[in-house]
């Protein structure tokens, strides 16, 4: 995992924790935008992970078949 991916995931976790704190102290209406921002960061993280060009260049490993005795 690259540094930007770690930062995005960490920010998403931080915003989720802030959203939980806000929802417990001030209500769900106040924390809703914070939760949506955390979800948007999670979607961005998943988009970066699935569209990583490094992953598509990796050759698939061949599986070895075992002989039956």
Protein backbone atom coordinates (compact mmCIF):
# COMPACT_ATOMS: atom_id res chain seq x y z
CA UNK A 1 0.00 0.00 0.00
CA UNK A 2 1.33 3.39 -0.98
CA UNK A 3 1.52 6.44 1.26
CA UNK A 4 -1.48 8.25 -0.33
CA UNK A 5 -3.61 5.15 0.21
CA UNK A 6 -2.59 5.01 3.86
CA UNK A 7 -3.37 8.70 4.27
CA UNK A 8 -6.81 8.37 2.65
CA UNK A 9 -7.69 5.38 4.79
CA UNK A 10 -6.46 7.12 7.95
CA UNK A 11 -8.46 10.25 7.16
CA UNK A 12 -11.57 8.16 6.56
CA UNK A 13 -11.12 6.49 9.94
CA UNK A 14 -10.52 9.84 11.64
CA UNK A 15 -13.66 11.35 10.11
CA UNK A 16 -15.68 8.29 11.15
CA UNK A 17 -14.49 8.72 14.74
CA UNK A 18 -15.27 12.44 14.64
CA UNK A 19 -18.70 11.64 13.22
CA UNK A 20 -19.40 9.17 16.04
CA UNK A 21 -18.37 11.77 18.60
CA UNK A 22 -20.56 14.42 16.99
CA UNK A 23 -23.55 12.11 16.76
CA UNK A 24 -23.27 11.23 20.45
CA UNK A 25 -22.83 14.83 21.57
CA UNK A 26 -24.92 16.88 19.12
CA UNK A 27 -27.06 14.46 17.15
CA UNK A 28 -27.10 12.72 13.80
CA UNK A 29 -28.12 15.82 11.86
CA UNK A 30 -24.84 17.55 12.72
CA UNK A 31 -22.65 14.50 12.09
CA UNK A 32 -24.23 13.44 8.78
CA UNK A 33 -21.88 15.51 6.52
CA UNK A 34 -18.86 14.18 8.39
CA UNK A 35 -20.02 10.59 7.87
CA UNK A 36 -20.65 11.25 4.18
CA UNK A 37 -17.15 12.66 3.79
CA UNK A 38 -15.73 9.55 5.48
CA UNK A 39 -17.71 7.32 3.11
CA UNK A 40 -16.52 9.36 0.12
CA UNK A 41 -12.91 8.85 1.24
CA UNK A 42 -13.53 5.11 1.56
CA UNK A 43 -14.95 5.03 -1.97
CA UNK A 44 -11.91 6.95 -3.23
CA UNK A 45 -9.60 4.51 -1.45
CA UNK A 46 -11.39 1.54 -3.05
CA UNK A 47 -11.28 3.21 -6.48
CA UNK A 48 -7.51 3.73 -6.16
CA UNK A 49 -7.01 0.12 -5.08
CA UNK A 50 -9.02 -1.38 -7.96
CA UNK A 51 -7.53 0.86 -10.67
CA UNK A 52 -3.90 0.47 -9.66
CA UNK A 53 -1.91 -0.24 -12.86
CA UNK A 54 0.69 -2.15 -10.86
CA UNK A 55 -1.84 -4.85 -10.02
CA UNK A 56 -2.68 -5.53 -13.66
CA UNK A 57 1.00 -6.00 -14.59
CA UNK A 58 1.58 -8.81 -12.10
CA UNK A 59 1.80 -12.18 -13.82
CA UNK A 60 -0.44 -14.88 -12.45
CA UNK A 61 1.35 -17.69 -10.70
CA UNK A 62 0.82 -21.14 -12.05
CA UNK A 63 -0.58 -23.64 -9.64
CA UNK A 64 1.20 -26.94 -9.41
CA UNK A 65 -0.91 -30.04 -9.55
CA UNK A 66 -0.03 -32.84 -7.23
CA UNK A 67 0.14 -36.37 -8.44
CA UNK A 68 -2.30 -38.81 -6.97
CA UNK A 69 -0.74 -41.93 -5.50
